Every structure is written in C-alpha cells, then in structure tokens.
C-alpha atoms as a PDB file:
ATOM      1  CA  MET A   1      10.989  -8.072  -2.793  1.00  0.00           C
ATOM      2  CA  THR A   2      10.739  -5.403  -5.511  1.00  0.00           C
ATOM      3  CA  LEU A   3       7.954  -2.918  -6.097  1.00  0.00           C
ATOM      4  CA  LYS A   4       6.926  -4.951  -9.159  1.00  0.00           C
ATOM      5  CA  GLU A   5       6.599  -8.100  -7.030  1.00  0.00           C
ATOM      6  CA  LEU A   6       4.615  -6.134  -4.413  1.00  0.00           C
ATOM      7  CA  LYS A   7       2.243  -4.936  -7.123  1.00  0.00           C
ATOM      8  CA  GLU A   8       1.801  -8.519  -8.364  1.00  0.00           C
ATOM      9  CA  ARG A   9       1.021  -9.660  -4.775  1.00  0.00           C
ATOM     10  CA  LEU A  10      -1.514  -6.827  -4.323  1.00  0.00           C
ATOM     11  CA  GLU A  11      -3.157  -7.770  -7.642  1.00  0.00           C
ATOM     12  CA  THR A  12      -4.007 -11.168  -6.131  1.00  0.00           C
ATOM     13  CA  THR A  13      -6.668  -9.337  -4.139  1.00  0.00           C
ATOM     14  CA  GLY A  14      -8.697  -8.920  -7.357  1.00  0.00           C
ATOM     15  CA  LEU A  15      -8.883  -5.168  -6.677  1.00  0.00           C
ATOM     16  CA  PRO A  16      -7.468  -2.562  -9.112  1.00  0.00           C
ATOM     17  CA  VAL A  17      -3.896  -1.468  -8.155  1.00  0.00           C
ATOM     18  CA  ALA A  18      -1.925   1.635  -9.109  1.00  0.00           C
ATOM     19  CA  TYR A  19       1.319   3.199  -7.985  1.00  0.00           C
ATOM     20  CA  ARG A  20       0.685   6.413  -6.014  1.00  0.00           C
ATOM     21  CA  ALA A  21      -2.517   7.537  -7.907  1.00  0.00           C
ATOM     22  CA  TRP A  22      -4.718   6.954 -10.866  1.00  0.00           C
ATOM     23  CA  PRO A  23      -4.396   9.276 -13.839  1.00  0.00           C
ATOM     24  CA  GLU A  24      -6.828  12.200 -13.747  1.00  0.00           C
ATOM     25  CA  GLY A  25     -10.264  10.955 -14.520  1.00  0.00           C
ATOM     26  CA  ALA A  26      -9.185   7.311 -14.803  1.00  0.00           C
ATOM     27  CA  ALA A  27      -9.766   6.031 -11.297  1.00  0.00           C
ATOM     28  CA  PRO A  28     -11.850   2.843 -11.235  1.00  0.00           C
ATOM     29  CA  PRO A  29     -14.880   2.502  -9.010  1.00  0.00           C
ATOM     30  CA  LEU A  30     -14.146   1.821  -5.302  1.00  0.00           C
ATOM     31  CA  PRO A  31     -12.684  -0.224  -3.813  1.00  0.00           C
ATOM     32  CA  PHE A  32      -9.137   0.039  -5.188  1.00  0.00           C
ATOM     33  CA  ILE A  33      -5.507   0.048  -3.965  1.00  0.00           C
ATOM     34  CA  CYS A  34      -2.710   2.578  -4.336  1.00  0.00           C
ATOM     35  CA  TYR A  35       0.774   1.985  -3.082  1.00  0.00           C
ATOM     36  CA  LEU A  36       3.898   4.189  -2.860  1.00  0.00           C
ATOM     37  CA  VAL A  37       7.337   4.561  -1.440  1.00  0.00           C
ATOM     38  CA  ALA A  38       6.849   7.161   1.343  1.00  0.00           C
ATOM     39  CA  TYR A  39      10.468   7.369   2.463  1.00  0.00           C
ATOM     40  CA  SER A  40      13.550   5.301   3.107  1.00  0.00           C
ATOM     41  CA  ASN A  41      14.758   4.041   6.485  1.00  0.00           C
ATOM     42  CA  ASN A  42      18.178   2.720   5.367  1.00  0.00           C
ATOM     43  CA  PHE A  43      20.637   0.762   7.472  1.00  0.00           C
ATOM     44  CA  GLY A  44      24.074   2.343   7.431  1.00  0.00           C
ATOM     45  CA  ALA A  45      27.527   0.895   7.954  1.00  0.00           C
ATOM     46  CA  ASP A  46      30.996   2.317   7.294  1.00  0.00           C
ATOM     47  CA  GLY A  47      29.591   5.681   6.279  1.00  0.00           C
ATOM     48  CA  ARG A  48      27.380   4.377   3.460  1.00  0.00           C
ATOM     49  CA  VAL A  49      24.016   2.661   2.883  1.00  0.00           C
ATOM     50  CA  TYR A  50      24.641  -0.951   3.738  1.00  0.00           C
ATOM     51  CA  ARG A  51      21.030  -2.042   3.240  1.00  0.00           C
ATOM     52  CA  ARG A  52      18.290  -0.086   1.589  1.00  0.00           C
ATOM     53  CA  ILE A  53      14.947  -0.186   3.346  1.00  0.00           C
ATOM     54  CA  ASP A  54      11.935   1.483   1.735  1.00  0.00           C
ATOM     55  CA  HIS A  55       8.951   2.412   3.778  1.00  0.00           C
ATOM     56  CA  ILE A  56       5.852   1.541   1.688  1.00  0.00           C
ATOM     57  CA  GLN A  57       2.302   2.711   2.156  1.00  0.00           C
ATOM     58  CA  VAL A  58      -0.421   0.467   0.785  1.00  0.00           C
ATOM     59  CA  GLU A  59      -3.713   2.432   0.679  1.00  0.00           C
ATOM     60  CA  LEU A  60      -7.051   0.743   0.346  1.00  0.00           C
ATOM     61  CA  TYR A  61      -9.903   3.074  -0.631  1.00  0.00           C
ATOM     62  CA  THR A  62     -13.530   2.005  -0.027  1.00  0.00           C
ATOM     63  CA  LYS A  63     -16.911   3.701  -0.197  1.00  0.00           C
ATOM     64  CA  GLN A  64     -17.948   2.203   3.164  1.00  0.00           C
ATOM     65  CA  LYS A  65     -16.291   0.091   5.783  1.00  0.00           C
ATOM     66  CA  ASP A  66     -15.335  -3.074   3.837  1.00  0.00           C
ATOM     67  CA  PRO A  67     -13.920  -5.855   6.020  1.00  0.00           C
ATOM     68  CA  ASP A  68     -13.827  -8.298   3.049  1.00  0.00           C
ATOM     69  CA  SER A  69     -11.497  -5.988   1.040  1.00  0.00           C
ATOM     70  CA  GLU A  70      -9.355  -5.410   4.078  1.00  0.00           C
ATOM     71  CA  ASP A  71      -9.058  -9.152   4.542  1.00  0.00           C
ATOM     72  CA  LYS A  72      -7.915  -9.516   0.953  1.00  0.00           C
ATOM     73  CA  VAL A  73      -5.201  -6.863   1.393  1.00  0.00           C
ATOM     74  CA  GLU A  74      -4.123  -8.385   4.718  1.00  0.00           C
ATOM     75  CA  ASP A  75      -3.860 -11.810   3.076  1.00  0.00           C
ATOM     76  CA  ALA A  76      -1.700 -10.350   0.336  1.00  0.00           C
ATOM     77  CA  LEU A  77       0.569  -8.720   2.977  1.00  0.00           C
ATOM     78  CA  SER A  78       0.624 -11.818   5.192  1.00  0.00           C
ATOM     79  CA  SER A  79       4.409 -12.291   4.834  1.00  0.00           C
ATOM     80  CA  PHE A  80       5.073  -8.772   6.071  1.00  0.00           C
ATOM     81  CA  TYR A  81       4.836  -7.079   9.435  1.00  0.00           C
ATOM     82  CA  TRP A  82       2.362  -4.281   8.837  1.00  0.00           C
ATOM     83  CA  GLU A  83       0.715  -1.460  10.785  1.00  0.00           C
ATOM     84  CA  LYS A  84      -2.769  -0.316   9.935  1.00  0.00           C
ATOM     85  CA  THR A  85      -4.625   2.997  10.311  1.00  0.00           C
ATOM     86  CA  GLU A  86      -7.949   4.155   9.042  1.00  0.00           C
ATOM     87  CA  GLU A  87      -9.573   7.510   8.332  1.00  0.00           C
ATOM     88  CA  TYR A  88     -12.591   8.879   6.518  1.00  0.00           C
ATOM     89  CA  LEU A  89     -11.682  11.385   3.738  1.00  0.00           C
ATOM     90  CA  ASP A  90     -14.502  13.921   3.782  1.00  0.00           C
ATOM     91  CA  THR A  91     -13.433  15.584   0.503  1.00  0.00           C
ATOM     92  CA  GLU A  92     -13.374  12.259  -1.286  1.00  0.00           C
ATOM     93  CA  ARG A  93     -16.274  10.711   0.634  1.00  0.00           C
ATOM     94  CA  CYS A  94     -14.467   7.436   1.141  1.00  0.00           C
ATOM     95  CA  TYR A  95     -12.418   5.503   3.657  1.00  0.00           C
ATOM     96  CA  GLN A  96      -8.648   5.187   3.449  1.00  0.00           C
ATOM     97  CA  ILE A  97      -7.202   2.106   5.121  1.00  0.00           C
ATOM     98  CA  LEU A  98      -3.424   2.600   5.317  1.00  0.00           C
ATOM     99  CA  TYR A  99      -1.043  -0.317   5.666  1.00  0.00           C
ATOM    100  CA  GLU A 100       2.620   0.516   6.349  1.00  0.00           C
ATOM    101  CA  ILE A 101       5.316  -2.015   5.519  1.00  0.00           C
ATOM    102  CA  GLU A 102       9.049  -2.059   4.763  1.00  0.00           C
ATOM    103  CA  LEU A 103      10.809  -3.540   1.743  1.00  0.00           C
ATOM    104  CA  CYS A 104      14.478  -4.430   2.055  1.00  0.00           C
ATOM    105  CA  GLY A 105      16.605  -4.116  -1.053  1.00  0.00           C
END
C-alpha cells in the first residue's frame, strides 16, 4: 500500500486528513487526522534493503474522548496490525490518539 492509498483509506472516515500537519492557521475544527512516516524499519539481505518497511503514525485529534471517531479510524485500519496510545496535549487542549502501523513497499 502506498501513502496515497493510505490517505484515501483514512478519508473514508469522513474526517479531514492531512500529511504531518495542517498549514499554519488552516487546521479544520476537531476531530481530524494527521499521518506521517516516522521512520523506516527495513528488511535487509545481501548488504542492501531487500524490502522497505515504513513505520507510519496515524494521529487522531479530538476535543474530548471520542469513541465514535476512534471506531472510524480503527475500521479504516482494519487490514493492518496496529498499536494504539492516547495522551492529552495540555498546550493544544485536545486528545491525541496515536495508531502505529507499518507499510511494506
């Protein structure tokens, strides 16, 4: 799956989606999704990258705990193995629900 295909899948949630961050002053109202390539975790063979594996973070931002939005994201990620963490961002006054997945290229 490509990043473009991942974005299309995330858009099925009906929530606004952006890569990494919204432009300054252009963020939509919460909830929304950002996603990014955090790092690679490649598989090597014969001294080279045999298979590229990108570690992706899908970030759901909500004003309050929002199980319905979480369910939408989890449905969109249903074909992946994902890990989930949650924290409240005091400076932004919102929740960040972080899903971590891997895309193989």
